[in-house]
C-alpha atoms as a PDB file:
ATOM      1  CA  MET A   1      -8.612 -19.421   3.738  1.00  0.00           C
ATOM      2  CA  CYS A   2      -9.354 -22.541   1.781  1.00  0.00           C
ATOM      3  CA  LEU A   3     -11.831 -22.742  -1.011  1.00  0.00           C
ATOM      4  CA  HIS A   4     -13.487 -26.103  -1.942  1.00  0.00           C
ATOM      5  CA  ARG A   5     -15.890 -26.847  -4.551  1.00  0.00           C
ATOM      6  CA  SER A   6     -18.427 -29.230  -3.382  1.00  0.00           C
ATOM      7  CA  HIS A   7     -19.774 -31.746  -5.807  1.00  0.00           C
ATOM      8  CA  VAL A   8     -23.287 -33.103  -5.710  1.00  0.00           C
ATOM      9  CA  VAL A   9     -23.825 -36.429  -7.713  1.00  0.00           C
ATOM     10  CA  LEU A  10     -27.368 -36.931  -8.540  1.00  0.00           C
ATOM     11  CA  PRO A  11     -28.643 -40.388  -9.812  1.00  0.00           C
ATOM     12  CA  ASN A  12     -28.976 -40.700 -13.513  1.00  0.00           C
ATOM     13  CA  PRO A  13     -32.359 -42.446 -14.235  1.00  0.00           C
ATOM     14  CA  VAL A  14     -31.039 -43.583 -17.557  1.00  0.00           C
ATOM     15  CA  THR A  15     -27.948 -45.580 -16.335  1.00  0.00           C
ATOM     16  CA  SER A  16     -28.486 -49.163 -15.735  1.00  0.00           C
ATOM     17  CA  THR A  17     -28.142 -51.002 -12.480  1.00  0.00           C
ATOM     18  CA  ALA A  18     -24.748 -52.506 -13.555  1.00  0.00           C
ATOM     19  CA  GLN A  19     -23.270 -49.075 -14.048  1.00  0.00           C
ATOM     20  CA  GLN A  20     -24.612 -47.814 -10.864  1.00  0.00           C
ATOM     21  CA  GLN A  21     -22.737 -50.369  -9.007  1.00  0.00           C
ATOM     22  CA  VAL A  22     -19.290 -48.927 -10.034  1.00  0.00           C
ATOM     23  CA  PRO A  23     -17.966 -46.640  -7.160  1.00  0.00           C
ATOM     24  CA  LYS A  24     -18.197 -42.987  -8.346  1.00  0.00           C
ATOM     25  CA  LYS A  25     -15.267 -40.712  -7.973  1.00  0.00           C
ATOM     26  CA  THR A  26     -15.845 -38.589  -5.005  1.00  0.00           C
ATOM     27  CA  GLU A  27     -14.162 -35.012  -4.094  1.00  0.00           C
ATOM     28  CA  PHE A  28     -11.365 -37.206  -2.248  1.00  0.00           C
ATOM     29  CA  SER A  29     -10.880 -39.897  -4.779  1.00  0.00           C
ATOM     30  CA  ARG A  30     -10.415 -37.728  -7.691  1.00  0.00           C
ATOM     31  CA  GLY A  31      -7.605 -38.647 -10.121  1.00  0.00           C
ATOM     32  CA  ARG A  32      -4.678 -40.754  -9.178  1.00  0.00           C
ATOM     33  CA  ALA A  33      -4.065 -42.299  -5.777  1.00  0.00           C
ATOM     34  CA  ARG A  34      -1.352 -40.523  -3.456  1.00  0.00           C
ATOM     35  CA  THR A  35       2.081 -41.930  -4.073  1.00  0.00           C
ATOM     36  CA  VAL A  36       3.660 -43.227  -0.801  1.00  0.00           C
ATOM     37  CA  PHE A  37       7.485 -43.314  -1.264  1.00  0.00           C
ATOM     38  CA  SER A  38       9.613 -45.975   0.520  1.00  0.00           C
ATOM     39  CA  GLU A  39      12.348 -44.806   2.917  1.00  0.00           C
ATOM     40  CA  GLU A  40      15.104 -45.652   0.396  1.00  0.00           C
ATOM     41  CA  GLN A  41      13.289 -43.668  -2.517  1.00  0.00           C
ATOM     42  CA  LYS A  42      12.860 -40.759  -0.041  1.00  0.00           C
ATOM     43  CA  ARG A  43      16.571 -40.954   0.809  1.00  0.00           C
ATOM     44  CA  LYS A  44      17.755 -41.132  -2.642  1.00  0.00           C
ATOM     45  CA  LEU A  45      15.477 -38.296  -3.819  1.00  0.00           C
ATOM     46  CA  MET A  46      16.944 -36.234  -0.809  1.00  0.00           C
ATOM     47  CA  GLN A  47      20.237 -36.858  -1.611  1.00  0.00           C
ATOM     48  CA  ARG A  48      19.826 -35.840  -5.333  1.00  0.00           C
ATOM     49  CA  PHE A  49      17.763 -32.756  -4.390  1.00  0.00           C
ATOM     50  CA  HIS A  50      20.661 -31.473  -2.037  1.00  0.00           C
ATOM     51  CA  ARG A  51      23.033 -31.588  -4.882  1.00  0.00           C
ATOM     52  CA  GLN A  52      20.688 -30.335  -7.501  1.00  0.00           C
ATOM     53  CA  LYS A  53      17.440 -28.352  -7.098  1.00  0.00           C
ATOM     54  CA  TYR A  54      16.357 -28.695 -10.786  1.00  0.00           C
ATOM     55  CA  ILE A  55      16.915 -31.974 -13.057  1.00  0.00           C
ATOM     56  CA  SER A  56      16.674 -32.209 -16.657  1.00  0.00           C
ATOM     57  CA  PRO A  57      14.034 -34.445 -18.262  1.00  0.00           C
ATOM     58  CA  GLN A  58      16.881 -36.950 -19.363  1.00  0.00           C
ATOM     59  CA  GLU A  59      18.253 -36.890 -15.452  1.00  0.00           C
ATOM     60  CA  ARG A  60      14.541 -37.115 -14.178  1.00  0.00           C
ATOM     61  CA  THR A  61      14.042 -40.273 -16.480  1.00  0.00           C
ATOM     62  CA  GLU A  62      17.094 -41.896 -15.116  1.00  0.00           C
ATOM     63  CA  LEU A  63      16.230 -41.150 -11.619  1.00  0.00           C
ATOM     64  CA  ALA A  64      12.830 -42.487 -12.144  1.00  0.00           C
ATOM     65  CA  THR A  65      13.965 -45.602 -13.493  1.00  0.00           C
ATOM     66  CA  ALA A  66      16.543 -46.139 -10.882  1.00  0.00           C
ATOM     67  CA  LEU A  67      13.887 -45.643  -8.138  1.00  0.00           C
ATOM     68  CA  GLY A  68      11.155 -47.797  -9.738  1.00  0.00           C
ATOM     69  CA  LEU A  69       8.947 -44.534 -10.242  1.00  0.00           C
ATOM     70  CA  ASN A  70       7.681 -42.756 -13.160  1.00  0.00           C
ATOM     71  CA  CYS A  71       8.739 -39.404 -14.464  1.00  0.00           C
ATOM     72  CA  LYS A  72       5.799 -37.595 -13.462  1.00  0.00           C
ATOM     73  CA  GLN A  73       6.026 -38.912  -9.841  1.00  0.00           C
ATOM     74  CA  VAL A  74       9.758 -37.562  -9.614  1.00  0.00           C
ATOM     75  CA  LYS A  75       8.706 -34.378 -11.356  1.00  0.00           C
ATOM     76  CA  THR A  76       5.837 -33.804  -8.803  1.00  0.00           C
ATOM     77  CA  TRP A  77       8.147 -34.726  -5.888  1.00  0.00           C
ATOM     78  CA  TYR A  78      10.889 -32.109  -6.979  1.00  0.00           C
ATOM     79  CA  GLN A  79       8.189 -29.313  -7.444  1.00  0.00           C
ATOM     80  CA  ASN A  80       6.694 -30.179  -4.025  1.00  0.00           C
ATOM     81  CA  ARG A  81      10.023 -30.236  -2.340  1.00  0.00           C
ATOM     82  CA  ARG A  82      11.101 -26.978  -3.865  1.00  0.00           C
ATOM     83  CA  MET A  83       7.931 -25.133  -2.801  1.00  0.00           C
ATOM     84  CA  LYS A  84       8.691 -26.786   0.919  1.00  0.00           C
ATOM     85  CA  LEU A  85      12.049 -25.204   0.834  1.00  0.00           C
ATOM     86  CA  LYS A  86      10.555 -21.832  -0.395  1.00  0.00           C
ATOM     87  CA  ARG A  87       8.049 -21.875   2.287  1.00  0.00           C
ATOM     88  CA  SER A  88      10.524 -22.729   5.051  1.00  0.00           C
ATOM     89  CA  GLN A  89      12.929 -20.109   3.721  1.00  0.00           C
ATOM     90  CA  CYS A  90      10.075 -17.387   3.907  1.00  0.00           C
ATOM     91  CA  LEU A  91       9.057 -18.617   7.533  1.00  0.00           C
ATOM     92  CA  GLN A  92      12.720 -17.952   8.510  1.00  0.00           C
ATOM     93  CA  THR A  93      12.791 -14.449   6.950  1.00  0.00           C
ATOM     94  CA  PRO A  94       9.834 -12.574   8.590  1.00  0.00           C
ATOM     95  CA  GLY A  95       8.404  -9.672   6.792  1.00  0.00           C
ATOM     96  CA  THR A  96       8.714 -10.849   3.217  1.00  0.00           C
ATOM     97  CA  SER A  97       5.934 -12.075   0.947  1.00  0.00           C
ATOM     98  CA  TRP A  98       5.988 -14.554  -1.931  1.00  0.00           C
ATOM     99  CA  ASP A  99       4.156 -12.129  -4.291  1.00  0.00           C
ATOM    100  CA  GLN A 100       6.054  -9.149  -3.381  1.00  0.00           C
ATOM    101  CA  PRO A 101       9.805  -8.314  -3.681  1.00  0.00           C
ATOM    102  CA  SER A 102      11.957  -8.238  -0.659  1.00  0.00           C
ATOM    103  CA  PHE A 103      12.227  -4.768   1.047  1.00  0.00           C
ATOM    104  CA  ASN A 104      15.277  -2.936  -0.144  1.00  0.00           C
ATOM    105  CA  PRO A 105      16.173   0.143   1.997  1.00  0.00           C
ATOM    106  CA  VAL A 106      18.269   1.848  -0.820  1.00  0.00           C
ATOM    107  CA  SER A 107      15.412   1.873  -3.433  1.00  0.00           C
ATOM    108  CA  SER A 108      12.758   2.932  -0.905  1.00  0.00           C
ATOM    109  CA  GLN A 109      14.601   6.000   0.246  1.00  0.00           C
ATOM    110  CA  LEU A 110      13.329   9.397  -0.786  1.00  0.00           C
ATOM    111  CA  ALA A 111      15.878  12.004  -1.954  1.00  0.00           C
ATOM    112  CA  VAL A 112      16.475  14.610   0.354  1.00  0.00           C
ATOM    113  CA  PHE A 113      17.131  18.117  -0.777  1.00  0.00           C
END
């Protein structure tokens, strides 16, 4: 179930006509635009990710510089990729949940006397 807040922008009678011509941020244009990575950037990010699931801030800076990205873009890519990996692993092992520990038959057995 997805929950979305709907934003209603009412006109402000105090604003001038020059300010009204500036496009307002909508629900879909909020914040920074989505980064589209080149094939080369994706390939290099994936190569590094296969070797190393977590990178230090210094390594992130070096990788960002080498790829022509900023540190936040690399950090976000890594976070998203780890979540994608986690989701795919959860789908491969049915009956497990992210918020619950895996079923352990030894700890769930009752002592029989």
